[in-house]
Amino acid sequence: MKLFHIKRKTKLENRFSPKMGRLMTKVTYIKKYFLFLPIATLHKYRETYYGEVKMCDDCHLYI
């Protein structure tokens, strides 16, 4: 049994961009786990409609 492992999970989130407004996008999280408990998020990115991969820092969560 491994103590540390890495999982990739994709979920649908609401995002807000000043130029485009509200958009629903798939956000992929890459997390590091220790005995099935999440320790840290290693990387977070989103895929655009055209297939480009962008960082999530340019869009804020829509509240």
PDB file of N, CA and C in Angstrom:
ATOM      1  N   MET A   1       0.845  -1.188   0.000  1.00  0.00           N
ATOM      2  CA  MET A   1       0.000   0.000   0.000  1.00  0.00           C
ATOM      3  C   MET A   1       0.884   1.244   0.000  1.00  0.00           C
ATOM      4  N   LYS A   2       0.559   2.182  -0.873  1.00  0.00           N
ATOM      5  CA  LYS A   2       1.314   3.421  -0.967  1.00  0.00           C
ATOM      6  C   LYS A   2       0.865   4.406   0.111  1.00  0.00           C
ATOM      7  N   LEU A   3       1.804   5.126   0.649  1.00  0.00           N
ATOM      8  CA  LEU A   3       1.458   6.165   1.618  1.00  0.00           C
ATOM      9  C   LEU A   3       1.062   7.452   0.902  1.00  0.00           C
ATOM     10  N   PHE A   4       1.804   7.802  -0.148  1.00  0.00           N
ATOM     11  CA  PHE A   4       1.526   9.008  -0.914  1.00  0.00           C
ATOM     12  C   PHE A   4       1.055   8.622  -2.303  1.00  0.00           C
ATOM     13  N   HIS A   5       0.049   9.306  -2.808  1.00  0.00           N
ATOM     14  CA  HIS A   5      -0.356   9.139  -4.191  1.00  0.00           C
ATOM     15  C   HIS A   5      -0.951  10.443  -4.699  1.00  0.00           C
ATOM     16  N   ILE A   6      -1.051  10.558  -6.023  1.00  0.00           N
ATOM     17  CA  ILE A   6      -1.514  11.773  -6.674  1.00  0.00           C
ATOM     18  C   ILE A   6      -2.749  11.442  -7.500  1.00  0.00           C
ATOM     19  N   LYS A   7      -3.792  12.276  -7.364  1.00  0.00           N
ATOM     20  CA  LYS A   7      -5.034  12.073  -8.108  1.00  0.00           C
ATOM     21  C   LYS A   7      -5.357  13.322  -8.902  1.00  0.00           C
ATOM     22  N   ARG A   8      -5.974  13.101 -10.058  1.00  0.00           N
ATOM     23  CA  ARG A   8      -6.464  14.184 -10.894  1.00  0.00           C
ATOM     24  C   ARG A   8      -7.988  14.079 -10.939  1.00  0.00           C
ATOM     25  N   LYS A   9      -8.666  15.200 -10.634  1.00  0.00           N
ATOM     26  CA  LYS A   9     -10.123  15.204 -10.606  1.00  0.00           C
ATOM     27  C   LYS A   9     -10.627  16.434 -11.357  1.00  0.00           C
ATOM     28  N   THR A  10     -11.634  16.236 -12.205  1.00  0.00           N
ATOM     29  CA  THR A  10     -12.222  17.319 -12.978  1.00  0.00           C
ATOM     30  C   THR A  10     -13.656  17.536 -12.517  1.00  0.00           C
ATOM     31  N   LYS A  11     -13.999  18.806 -12.291  1.00  0.00           N
ATOM     32  CA  LYS A  11     -15.371  19.125 -11.920  1.00  0.00           C
ATOM     33  C   LYS A  11     -15.796  20.420 -12.609  1.00  0.00           C
ATOM     34  N   LEU A  12     -17.088  20.607 -12.734  1.00  0.00           N
ATOM     35  CA  LEU A  12     -17.661  21.766 -13.392  1.00  0.00           C
ATOM     36  C   LEU A  12     -17.834  22.885 -12.379  1.00  0.00           C
ATOM     37  N   GLU A  13     -17.330  24.086 -12.704  1.00  0.00           N
ATOM     38  CA  GLU A  13     -17.396  25.222 -11.785  1.00  0.00           C
ATOM     39  C   GLU A  13     -17.881  26.465 -12.509  1.00  0.00           C
ATOM     40  N   ASN A  14     -18.479  27.371 -11.746  1.00  0.00           N
ATOM     41  CA  ASN A  14     -18.811  28.699 -12.247  1.00  0.00           C
ATOM     42  C   ASN A  14     -17.582  29.576 -12.113  1.00  0.00           C
ATOM     43  N   ARG A  15     -17.234  30.281 -13.167  1.00  0.00           N
ATOM     44  CA  ARG A  15     -16.111  31.214 -13.156  1.00  0.00           C
ATOM     45  C   ARG A  15     -16.601  32.559 -13.667  1.00  0.00           C
ATOM     46  N   PHE A  16     -15.878  33.619 -13.341  1.00  0.00           N
ATOM     47  CA  PHE A  16     -16.241  34.954 -13.795  1.00  0.00           C
ATOM     48  C   PHE A  16     -15.008  35.624 -14.371  1.00  0.00           C
ATOM     49  N   SER A  17     -15.135  36.116 -15.583  1.00  0.00           N
ATOM     50  CA  SER A  17     -14.085  36.873 -16.245  1.00  0.00           C
ATOM     51  C   SER A  17     -14.636  38.257 -16.568  1.00  0.00           C
ATOM     52  N   PRO A  18     -13.875  39.317 -16.334  1.00  0.00           N
ATOM     53  CA  PRO A  18     -14.395  40.665 -16.614  1.00  0.00           C
ATOM     54  C   PRO A  18     -14.759  40.855 -18.091  1.00  0.00           C
ATOM     55  N   LYS A  19     -14.034  40.222 -19.008  1.00  0.00           N
ATOM     56  CA  LYS A  19     -14.310  40.394 -20.434  1.00  0.00           C
ATOM     57  C   LYS A  19     -15.496  39.550 -20.896  1.00  0.00           C
ATOM     58  N   MET A  20     -15.615  38.318 -20.393  1.00  0.00           N
ATOM     59  CA  MET A  20     -16.637  37.400 -20.879  1.00  0.00           C
ATOM     60  C   MET A  20     -17.837  37.279 -19.967  1.00  0.00           C
ATOM     61  N   GLY A  21     -17.706  37.659 -18.707  1.00  0.00           N
ATOM     62  CA  GLY A  21     -18.794  37.492 -17.758  1.00  0.00           C
ATOM     63  C   GLY A  21     -18.757  36.105 -17.131  1.00  0.00           C
ATOM     64  N   ARG A  22     -19.936  35.572 -16.820  1.00  0.00           N
ATOM     65  CA  ARG A  22     -20.032  34.266 -16.147  1.00  0.00           C
ATOM     66  C   ARG A  22     -19.858  33.152 -17.170  1.00  0.00           C
ATOM     67  N   LEU A  23     -19.098  32.119 -16.798  1.00  0.00           N
ATOM     68  CA  LEU A  23     -18.973  30.958 -17.652  1.00  0.00           C
ATOM     69  C   LEU A  23     -18.855  29.705 -16.806  1.00  0.00           C
ATOM     70  N   MET A  24     -19.411  28.618 -17.330  1.00  0.00           N
ATOM     71  CA  MET A  24     -19.293  27.303 -16.696  1.00  0.00           C
ATOM     72  C   MET A  24     -18.142  26.592 -17.389  1.00  0.00           C
ATOM     73  N   THR A  25     -17.155  26.140 -16.635  1.00  0.00           N
ATOM     74  CA  THR A  25     -15.987  25.521 -17.226  1.00  0.00           C
ATOM     75  C   THR A  25     -15.553  24.320 -16.414  1.00  0.00           C
ATOM     76  N   LYS A  26     -14.850  23.405 -17.052  1.00  0.00           N
ATOM     77  CA  LYS A  26     -14.294  22.247 -16.367  1.00  0.00           C
ATOM     78  C   LYS A  26     -12.948  22.637 -15.768  1.00  0.00           C
ATOM     79  N   VAL A  27     -12.812  22.460 -14.463  1.00  0.00           N
ATOM     80  CA  VAL A  27     -11.572  22.771 -13.766  1.00  0.00           C
ATOM     81  C   VAL A  27     -10.972  21.464 -13.273  1.00  0.00           C
ATOM     82  N   THR A  28      -9.696  21.261 -13.576  1.00  0.00           N
ATOM     83  CA  THR A  28      -8.997  20.038 -13.197  1.00  0.00           C
ATOM     84  C   THR A  28      -8.060  20.349 -12.040  1.00  0.00           C
ATOM     85  N   TYR A  29      -8.182  19.583 -10.969  1.00  0.00           N
ATOM     86  CA  TYR A  29      -7.330  19.707  -9.794  1.00  0.00           C
ATOM     87  C   TYR A  29      -6.400  18.508  -9.732  1.00  0.00           C
ATOM     88  N   ILE A  30      -5.116  18.745  -9.487  1.00  0.00           N
ATOM     89  CA  ILE A  30      -4.159  17.676  -9.255  1.00  0.00           C
ATOM     90  C   ILE A  30      -3.748  17.797  -7.790  1.00  0.00           C
ATOM     91  N   LYS A  31      -4.110  16.784  -6.992  1.00  0.00           N
ATOM     92  CA  LYS A  31      -3.882  16.841  -5.548  1.00  0.00           C
ATOM     93  C   LYS A  31      -2.983  15.709  -5.086  1.00  0.00           C
ATOM     94  N   LYS A  32      -2.255  15.978  -4.017  1.00  0.00           N
ATOM     95  CA  LYS A  32      -1.389  14.985  -3.395  1.00  0.00           C
ATOM     96  C   LYS A  32      -2.090  14.471  -2.136  1.00  0.00           C
ATOM     97  N   TYR A  33      -2.141  13.152  -1.991  1.00  0.00           N
ATOM     98  CA  TYR A  33      -2.846  12.516  -0.880  1.00  0.00           C
ATOM     99  C   TYR A  33      -1.872  11.721  -0.014  1.00  0.00           C
ATOM    100  N   PHE A  34      -2.166  11.680   1.277  1.00  0.00           N
ATOM    101  CA  PHE A  34      -1.446  10.845   2.234  1.00  0.00           C
ATOM    102  C   PHE A  34      -2.492   9.997   2.951  1.00  0.00           C
ATOM    103  N   LEU A  35      -2.468   8.698   2.704  1.00  0.00           N
ATOM    104  CA  LEU A  35      -3.432   7.755   3.282  1.00  0.00           C
ATOM    105  C   LEU A  35      -4.873   8.218   3.051  1.00  0.00           C
ATOM    106  N   PHE A  36      -5.208   8.556   1.812  1.00  0.00           N
ATOM    107  CA  PHE A  36      -6.550   8.956   1.374  1.00  0.00           C
ATOM    108  C   PHE A  36      -7.002  10.306   1.925  1.00  0.00           C
ATOM    109  N   LEU A  37      -6.111  11.090   2.499  1.00  0.00           N
ATOM    110  CA  LEU A  37      -6.427  12.436   2.974  1.00  0.00           C
ATOM    111  C   LEU A  37      -5.672  13.449   2.121  1.00  0.00           C
ATOM    112  N   PRO A  38      -6.353  14.451   1.568  1.00  0.00           N
ATOM    113  CA  PRO A  38      -5.660  15.426   0.712  1.00  0.00           C
ATOM    114  C   PRO A  38      -4.714  16.309   1.519  1.00  0.00           C
ATOM    115  N   ILE A  39      -3.495  16.448   1.010  1.00  0.00           N
ATOM    116  CA  ILE A  39      -2.488  17.283   1.669  1.00  0.00           C
ATOM    117  C   ILE A  39      -2.398  18.640   0.995  1.00  0.00           C
ATOM    118  N   ALA A  40      -2.183  18.637  -0.324  1.00  0.00           N
ATOM    119  CA  ALA A  40      -1.964  19.887  -1.041  1.00  0.00           C
ATOM    120  C   ALA A  40      -2.485  19.784  -2.462  1.00  0.00           C
ATOM    121  N   THR A  41      -2.826  20.946  -3.013  1.00  0.00           N
ATOM    122  CA  THR A  41      -3.185  21.032  -4.418  1.00  0.00           C
ATOM    123  C   THR A  41      -1.926  21.411  -5.180  1.00  0.00           C
ATOM    124  N   LEU A  42      -1.468  20.518  -6.040  1.00  0.00           N
ATOM    125  CA  LEU A  42      -0.242  20.759  -6.780  1.00  0.00           C
ATOM    126  C   LEU A  42      -0.461  21.685  -7.975  1.00  0.00           C
ATOM    127  N   HIS A  43      -1.586  21.508  -8.667  1.00  0.00           N
ATOM    128  CA  HIS A  43      -1.842  22.299  -9.868  1.00  0.00           C
ATOM    129  C   HIS A  43      -3.348  22.394 -10.093  1.00  0.00           C
ATOM    130  N   LYS A  44      -3.788  23.540 -10.637  1.00  0.00           N
ATOM    131  CA  LYS A  44      -5.196  23.742 -10.941  1.00  0.00           C
ATOM    132  C   LYS A  44      -5.268  24.466 -12.280  1.00  0.00           C
ATOM    133  N   TYR A  45      -5.982  23.878 -13.239  1.00  0.00           N
ATOM    134  CA  TYR A  45      -6.092  24.508 -14.541  1.00  0.00           C
ATOM    135  C   TYR A  45      -7.470  24.259 -15.125  1.00  0.00           C
ATOM    136  N   ARG A  46      -7.793  25.024 -16.174  1.00  0.00           N
ATOM    137  CA  ARG A  46      -9.087  24.869 -16.831  1.00  0.00           C
ATOM    138  C   ARG A  46      -8.867  24.768 -18.331  1.00  0.00           C
ATOM    139  N   GLU A  47      -9.823  24.128 -18.992  1.00  0.00           N
ATOM    140  CA  GLU A  47      -9.753  23.981 -20.435  1.00  0.00           C
ATOM    141  C   GLU A  47     -10.822  24.857 -21.063  1.00  0.00           C
ATOM    142  N   THR A  48     -10.455  25.625 -22.084  1.00  0.00           N
ATOM    143  CA  THR A  48     -11.395  26.518 -22.743  1.00  0.00           C
ATOM    144  C   THR A  48     -12.231  25.754 -23.756  1.00  0.00           C
ATOM    145  N   TYR A  49     -13.167  26.462 -24.350  1.00  0.00           N
ATOM    146  CA  TYR A  49     -14.042  25.878 -25.363  1.00  0.00           C
ATOM    147  C   TYR A  49     -13.249  25.422 -26.595  1.00  0.00           C
ATOM    148  N   TYR A  50     -12.156  26.124 -26.876  1.00  0.00           N
ATOM    149  CA  TYR A  50     -11.346  25.823 -28.052  1.00  0.00           C
ATOM    150  C   TYR A  50     -10.247  24.805 -27.772  1.00  0.00           C
ATOM    151  N   GLY A  51     -10.169  24.274 -26.565  1.00  0.00           N
ATOM    152  CA  GLY A  51      -9.187  23.252 -26.236  1.00  0.00           C
ATOM    153  C   GLY A  51      -7.899  23.784 -25.628  1.00  0.00           C
ATOM    154  N   GLU A  52      -7.792  25.089 -25.431  1.00  0.00           N
ATOM    155  CA  GLU A  52      -6.596  25.662 -24.807  1.00  0.00           C
ATOM    156  C   GLU A  52      -6.620  25.383 -23.312  1.00  0.00           C
ATOM    157  N   VAL A  53      -5.452  25.201 -22.723  1.00  0.00           N
ATOM    158  CA  VAL A  53      -5.341  24.991 -21.281  1.00  0.00           C
ATOM    159  C   VAL A  53      -4.863  26.292 -20.657  1.00  0.00           C
ATOM    160  N   LYS A  54      -5.620  26.801 -19.681  1.00  0.00           N
ATOM    161  CA  LYS A  54      -5.283  28.060 -19.025  1.00  0.00           C
ATOM    162  C   LYS A  54      -5.243  27.871 -17.517  1.00  0.00           C
ATOM    163  N   MET A  55      -4.494  28.722 -16.852  1.00  0.00           N
ATOM    164  CA  MET A  55      -4.442  28.723 -15.398  1.00  0.00           C
ATOM    165  C   MET A  55      -5.727  29.339 -14.861  1.00  0.00           C
ATOM    166  N   CYS A  56      -6.110  28.990 -13.652  1.00  0.00           N
ATOM    167  CA  CYS A  56      -7.340  29.506 -13.053  1.00  0.00           C
ATOM    168  C   CYS A  56      -7.137  30.850 -12.372  1.00  0.00           C
ATOM    169  N   ASP A  57      -5.940  31.401 -12.380  1.00  0.00           N
ATOM    170  CA  ASP A  57      -5.699  32.662 -11.691  1.00  0.00           C
ATOM    171  C   ASP A  57      -6.317  33.853 -12.414  1.00  0.00           C
ATOM    172  N   ASP A  58      -6.529  33.756 -13.725  1.00  0.00           N
ATOM    173  CA  ASP A  58      -7.077  34.891 -14.460  1.00  0.00           C
ATOM    174  C   ASP A  58      -8.580  35.041 -14.320  1.00  0.00           C
ATOM    175  N   CYS A  59      -9.277  34.015 -13.842  1.00  0.00           N
ATOM    176  CA  CYS A  59     -10.730  34.081 -13.602  1.00  0.00           C
ATOM    177  C   CYS A  59     -10.995  33.887 -12.121  1.00  0.00           C
ATOM    178  N   HIS A  60     -11.910  34.649 -11.595  1.00  0.00           N
ATOM    179  CA  HIS A  60     -12.265  34.547 -10.180  1.00  0.00           C
ATOM    180  C   HIS A  60     -13.518  33.720 -10.027  1.00  0.00           C
ATOM    181  N   LEU A  61     -13.730  33.168  -8.842  1.00  0.00           N
ATOM    182  CA  LEU A  61     -14.947  32.412  -8.581  1.00  0.00           C
ATOM    183  C   LEU A  61     -16.149  33.344  -8.647  1.00  0.00           C
ATOM    184  N   TYR A  62     -17.210  32.873  -9.261  1.00  0.00           N
ATOM    185  CA  TYR A  62     -18.432  33.660  -9.376  1.00  0.00           C
ATOM    186  C   TYR A  62     -19.250  33.474  -8.100  1.00  0.00           C
ATOM    187  N   ILE A  63     -19.579  34.582  -7.455  1.00  0.00           N
ATOM    188  CA  ILE A  63     -20.336  34.517  -6.207  1.00  0.00           C
ATOM    189  C   ILE A  63     -21.660  35.220  -6.381  1.00  0.00           C
TER     190      ILE A  63
END
